[in-house]
Amino acid sequence: MITLDREDDVFVLTMEAGENRWNTNFVRAFDARLDEVLASDGPAALVTASSDPKFFSNGLDIDWRRGEGDGDGGDKSVFGPEFFALMGKLITFPVPTVCAVNGHGFGAGFMMALSHDLRVMREDRGYLCANEIQIGMSIPDAELTLFRHKMSGSAFFDTVQLARRWTGPDAKAAGFVRDVAPAESLFELAMAHAKQLALLGENRELFARSKERIFGESPSINDPHGAAYQLREGRRGR
């Protein structure tokens, strides 16, 4: 479902579940790979990628969520809190994180991408989109806070109110994707960024604390109105 490899100082987490839709078992598998990174020491960075050529992560596993019983996706009753806690863990991860968005990233997949420090994206195909309003769902407060934290005001409005589908070049122009590349060189671009940043991950405590401090008091990332706090608490829409 999810594998973790290492190339020198760079850990590579690869999602291998097709469209990589989010259910409880997927959350727990992802979390377990993050714990493996945390168990390391010394310089490190993380690259998150997908093995599917079309999909990065296509959002919530809606069929599982709406189906009878827990099914193959695991315990439905804990999905929300565990998913948001995972995003809170990722956004404050103590080593640099780079996301290689090779295809569509919708809803929860878009959230996961934004919880990384840097994003690179395929330049010719694939969208990042928060499509909840299109499918009749309310965007949770924690998700809104995350988007607001990572985007300019205009990009935030287009994303959450107009369900804009962001291409790689448009997302780069809006400032929340660092760079774009053809599909065949996207992973190498992500690895280049990660290798350059890995030394920053040697002092894990300092790197994590800096993430929490740089956003200041209005709000700090860990304050009640901050992105990390709301993600950990699993704050939902009204």
Protein backbone atom coordinates (compact mmCIF):
# COMPACT_ATOMS: atom_id res chain seq x y z
CA MET A 1 0.00 0.00 0.00
CA ILE A 2 2.77 2.43 1.00
CA THR A 3 6.51 1.79 0.82
CA LEU A 4 9.49 3.62 2.27
CA ASP A 5 12.95 3.56 0.74
CA ARG A 6 16.08 5.55 1.41
CA GLU A 7 18.64 7.09 -0.94
CA ASP A 8 21.50 8.54 1.08
CA ASP A 9 19.86 11.18 3.31
CA VAL A 10 16.52 11.20 1.50
CA PHE A 11 13.60 8.97 2.48
CA VAL A 12 11.15 8.22 -0.34
CA LEU A 13 7.57 7.43 0.67
CA THR A 14 5.66 5.98 -2.28
CA MET A 15 1.89 5.54 -2.26
CA GLU A 16 1.03 2.38 -4.21
CA ALA A 17 -2.75 2.02 -3.85
CA GLY A 18 -3.90 3.11 -7.32
CA GLU A 19 -5.79 6.37 -6.86
CA ASN A 20 -4.43 6.51 -3.28
CA ARG A 21 -7.79 7.34 -1.74
CA TRP A 22 -7.91 7.98 1.99
CA ASN A 23 -9.45 5.55 4.45
CA THR A 24 -8.40 4.54 7.96
CA ASN A 25 -6.06 1.78 6.83
CA PHE A 26 -4.35 4.13 4.38
CA VAL A 27 -3.92 6.75 7.11
CA ARG A 28 -2.34 4.20 9.43
CA ALA A 29 -0.01 2.85 6.75
CA PHE A 30 1.15 6.39 5.92
CA ASP A 31 1.62 7.19 9.60
CA ALA A 32 3.69 4.04 10.14
CA ARG A 33 6.08 5.08 7.36
CA LEU A 34 6.46 8.53 8.93
CA ASP A 35 7.35 6.86 12.22
CA GLU A 36 10.13 4.97 10.45
CA VAL A 37 11.60 8.30 9.32
CA LEU A 38 11.28 9.67 12.85
CA ALA A 39 13.21 6.68 14.19
CA SER A 40 16.27 7.73 12.15
CA ASP A 41 18.87 10.31 13.09
CA GLY A 42 21.26 12.57 11.26
CA PRO A 43 20.56 14.64 8.14
CA ALA A 44 17.32 13.67 6.44
CA ALA A 45 14.54 14.81 4.15
CA LEU A 46 11.37 13.15 2.91
CA VAL A 47 9.96 12.92 -0.61
CA THR A 48 6.36 11.77 -1.02
CA ALA A 49 5.37 10.34 -4.39
CA SER A 50 2.81 8.12 -6.10
CA SER A 51 3.40 5.04 -8.25
CA ASP A 52 0.26 5.71 -10.31
CA PRO A 53 0.96 7.64 -13.55
CA LYS A 54 -2.36 9.52 -13.43
CA PHE A 55 -3.22 10.01 -9.76
CA PHE A 56 -1.24 11.51 -6.92
CA SER A 57 -4.06 11.11 -4.38
CA ASN A 58 -7.68 11.29 -5.44
CA GLY A 59 -9.15 12.26 -2.08
CA LEU A 60 -11.45 10.51 0.35
CA ASP A 61 -12.40 6.88 -0.29
CA ILE A 62 -16.04 7.82 -0.80
CA ASP A 63 -17.26 4.33 -1.71
CA TRP A 64 -15.81 3.00 1.54
CA ARG A 65 -17.16 5.92 3.54
CA ARG A 66 -20.70 5.49 2.21
CA GLY A 67 -20.72 1.70 2.12
CA GLU A 68 -22.04 -0.78 4.65
CA GLY A 69 -19.87 -1.51 7.66
CA ASP A 70 -16.15 -0.83 7.88
CA GLY A 71 -15.24 -2.82 4.79
CA ASP A 72 -11.66 -3.03 3.59
CA GLY A 73 -10.85 0.55 4.61
CA GLY A 74 -10.82 0.02 8.36
CA ASP A 75 -12.67 1.57 11.29
CA LYS A 76 -14.83 4.43 9.99
CA SER A 77 -15.48 5.85 13.44
CA VAL A 78 -11.88 7.00 13.89
CA PHE A 79 -11.09 8.12 10.36
CA GLY A 80 -11.65 11.87 10.82
CA PRO A 81 -9.56 12.35 13.97
CA GLU A 82 -6.78 10.05 12.73
CA PHE A 83 -6.59 11.70 9.30
CA PHE A 84 -6.44 15.23 10.71
CA ALA A 85 -3.88 14.14 13.31
CA LEU A 86 -1.72 12.73 10.51
CA MET A 87 -1.88 16.02 8.60
CA GLY A 88 -0.94 17.88 11.80
CA LYS A 89 2.01 15.53 12.23
CA LEU A 90 3.11 16.07 8.63
CA ILE A 91 2.84 19.87 8.61
CA THR A 92 5.16 20.03 11.66
CA PHE A 93 7.42 17.15 10.60
CA PRO A 94 10.95 17.65 11.94
CA VAL A 95 12.74 17.11 8.63
CA PRO A 96 12.22 18.90 5.29
CA THR A 97 9.39 17.41 3.24
CA VAL A 98 8.93 17.59 -0.53
CA CYS A 99 5.83 16.44 -2.38
CA ALA A 100 6.06 15.23 -6.01
CA VAL A 101 2.56 15.77 -7.41
CA ASN A 102 2.59 13.68 -10.56
CA GLY A 103 -1.17 13.63 -11.20
CA HIS A 104 -4.55 14.55 -9.76
CA GLY A 105 -4.66 15.56 -6.10
CA PHE A 106 -8.20 16.18 -4.90
CA GLY A 107 -9.64 16.95 -1.46
CA ALA A 108 -7.67 15.02 1.12
CA GLY A 109 -4.90 14.48 -1.44
CA PHE A 110 -4.61 18.25 -1.91
CA MET A 111 -4.49 18.68 1.88
CA MET A 112 -1.68 16.16 2.16
CA ALA A 113 0.32 17.92 -0.54
CA LEU A 114 -0.10 21.27 1.22
CA SER A 115 1.06 19.75 4.51
CA HIS A 116 4.53 19.33 2.97
CA ASP A 117 7.15 22.05 3.06
CA LEU A 118 7.62 22.15 -0.73
CA ARG A 119 5.59 20.95 -3.68
CA VAL A 120 6.72 20.23 -7.22
CA MET A 121 4.12 19.36 -9.81
CA ARG A 122 3.84 17.86 -13.24
CA GLU A 123 3.62 20.69 -15.74
CA ASP A 124 1.40 19.19 -18.44
CA ARG A 125 -1.25 17.07 -16.68
CA GLY A 126 -3.05 16.75 -13.36
CA TYR A 127 -4.95 19.11 -11.09
CA LEU A 128 -4.91 20.11 -7.46
CA CYS A 129 -8.46 20.79 -6.36
CA ALA A 130 -10.60 21.03 -3.23
CA ASN A 131 -13.83 19.84 -4.80
CA GLU A 132 -15.97 19.44 -1.68
CA ILE A 133 -18.38 22.24 -2.59
CA GLN A 134 -18.94 20.65 -6.00
CA ILE A 135 -20.02 17.33 -4.47
CA GLY A 136 -22.19 18.83 -1.75
CA MET A 137 -19.80 18.50 1.17
CA SER A 138 -18.82 21.14 3.73
CA ILE A 139 -15.11 21.79 3.98
CA PRO A 140 -13.92 21.10 7.56
CA ASP A 141 -12.57 24.07 9.53
CA ALA A 142 -9.15 22.42 9.80
CA GLU A 143 -8.94 22.10 6.02
CA LEU A 144 -9.89 25.75 5.57
CA THR A 145 -7.20 26.74 8.06
CA LEU A 146 -4.61 24.69 6.21
CA PHE A 147 -5.46 26.26 2.86
CA ARG A 148 -5.45 29.76 4.37
CA HIS A 149 -2.08 29.04 6.00
CA LYS A 150 -0.44 27.90 2.75
CA MET A 151 -2.02 30.21 0.16
CA SER A 152 -2.48 33.85 -0.72
CA GLY A 153 -5.93 35.31 -0.09
CA SER A 154 -6.98 35.17 -3.73
CA ALA A 155 -5.75 31.60 -4.23
CA PHE A 156 -7.49 30.57 -1.01
CA PHE A 157 -10.84 32.00 -2.20
CA ASP A 158 -10.54 30.41 -5.64
CA THR A 159 -9.68 27.08 -4.03
CA VAL A 160 -12.33 26.74 -1.34
CA GLN A 161 -15.22 28.80 -2.72
CA LEU A 162 -14.85 28.30 -6.47
CA ALA A 163 -13.35 24.78 -6.43
CA ARG A 164 -10.65 25.87 -8.86
CA ARG A 165 -8.68 23.12 -10.55
CA TRP A 166 -5.07 24.21 -10.36
CA THR A 167 -2.67 23.13 -13.07
CA GLY A 168 1.02 22.93 -12.23
CA PRO A 169 1.96 26.22 -13.95
CA ASP A 170 -1.00 28.06 -12.38
CA ALA A 171 -0.20 26.70 -8.92
CA LYS A 172 3.42 27.79 -9.35
CA ALA A 173 2.30 31.27 -10.39
CA ALA A 174 0.03 31.39 -7.31
CA GLY A 175 3.01 30.54 -5.12
CA PHE A 176 2.02 27.28 -3.44
CA VAL A 177 3.92 25.01 -5.84
CA ARG A 178 7.67 25.60 -5.95
CA ASP A 179 8.40 24.27 -9.43
CA VAL A 180 7.02 22.23 -12.32
CA ALA A 181 8.58 19.65 -14.60
CA PRO A 182 7.69 17.07 -17.26
CA ALA A 183 6.51 13.73 -15.87
CA GLU A 184 9.78 11.99 -16.67
CA SER A 185 11.88 14.40 -14.63
CA LEU A 186 9.47 15.31 -11.80
CA PHE A 187 10.83 12.80 -9.29
CA GLU A 188 14.41 13.84 -9.98
CA LEU A 189 13.41 17.46 -9.36
CA ALA A 190 11.83 16.51 -6.02
CA MET A 191 14.93 14.54 -5.06
CA ALA A 192 17.19 17.45 -5.95
CA HIS A 193 15.25 19.74 -3.63
CA ALA A 194 15.26 17.13 -0.87
CA LYS A 195 19.00 16.45 -1.11
CA GLN A 196 19.70 20.17 -0.93
CA LEU A 197 17.55 20.52 2.20
CA ALA A 198 18.47 17.30 4.03
CA LEU A 199 21.15 18.90 6.19
CA LEU A 200 18.42 21.05 7.78
CA GLY A 201 16.89 17.85 9.13
CA GLU A 202 19.88 16.95 11.27
CA ASN A 203 18.68 19.07 14.19
CA ARG A 204 15.13 17.72 14.33
CA GLU A 205 14.04 19.69 17.40
CA LEU A 206 15.19 23.01 15.97
CA PHE A 207 13.65 22.38 12.56
CA ALA A 208 10.27 21.48 14.04
CA ARG A 209 10.29 24.38 16.49
CA SER A 210 11.17 26.81 13.71
CA LYS A 211 8.14 25.70 11.69
CA GLU A 212 5.96 26.50 14.67
CA ARG A 213 7.53 29.91 15.33
CA ILE A 214 7.87 31.48 11.89
CA PHE A 215 4.15 32.06 11.49
CA GLY A 216 3.99 34.29 14.55
CA GLU A 217 1.19 34.98 16.97
CA SER A 218 -1.71 35.66 14.61
CA PRO A 219 -2.00 32.74 14.75
CA SER A 220 0.91 30.51 15.55
CA ILE A 221 0.64 27.17 13.81
CA ASN A 222 -0.05 25.50 17.19
CA ASP A 223 -2.46 28.10 18.60
CA PRO A 224 -6.17 27.23 18.70
CA HIS A 225 -6.79 28.96 15.37
CA GLY A 226 -3.61 27.64 13.76
CA ALA A 227 -3.33 24.96 11.10
CA ALA A 228 -1.45 22.33 13.11
CA TYR A 229 -3.72 22.69 16.15
CA GLN A 230 -6.91 22.40 14.14
CA LEU A 231 -5.60 19.45 12.15
CA ARG A 232 -4.63 17.57 15.29
CA GLU A 233 -7.98 18.34 16.90
CA GLY A 234 -9.86 17.30 13.76
CA ARG A 235 -12.02 20.43 13.66
CA ARG A 236 -14.97 19.89 11.35
CA GLY A 237 -17.25 22.21 9.41
CA ARG A 238 -20.47 23.36 10.96
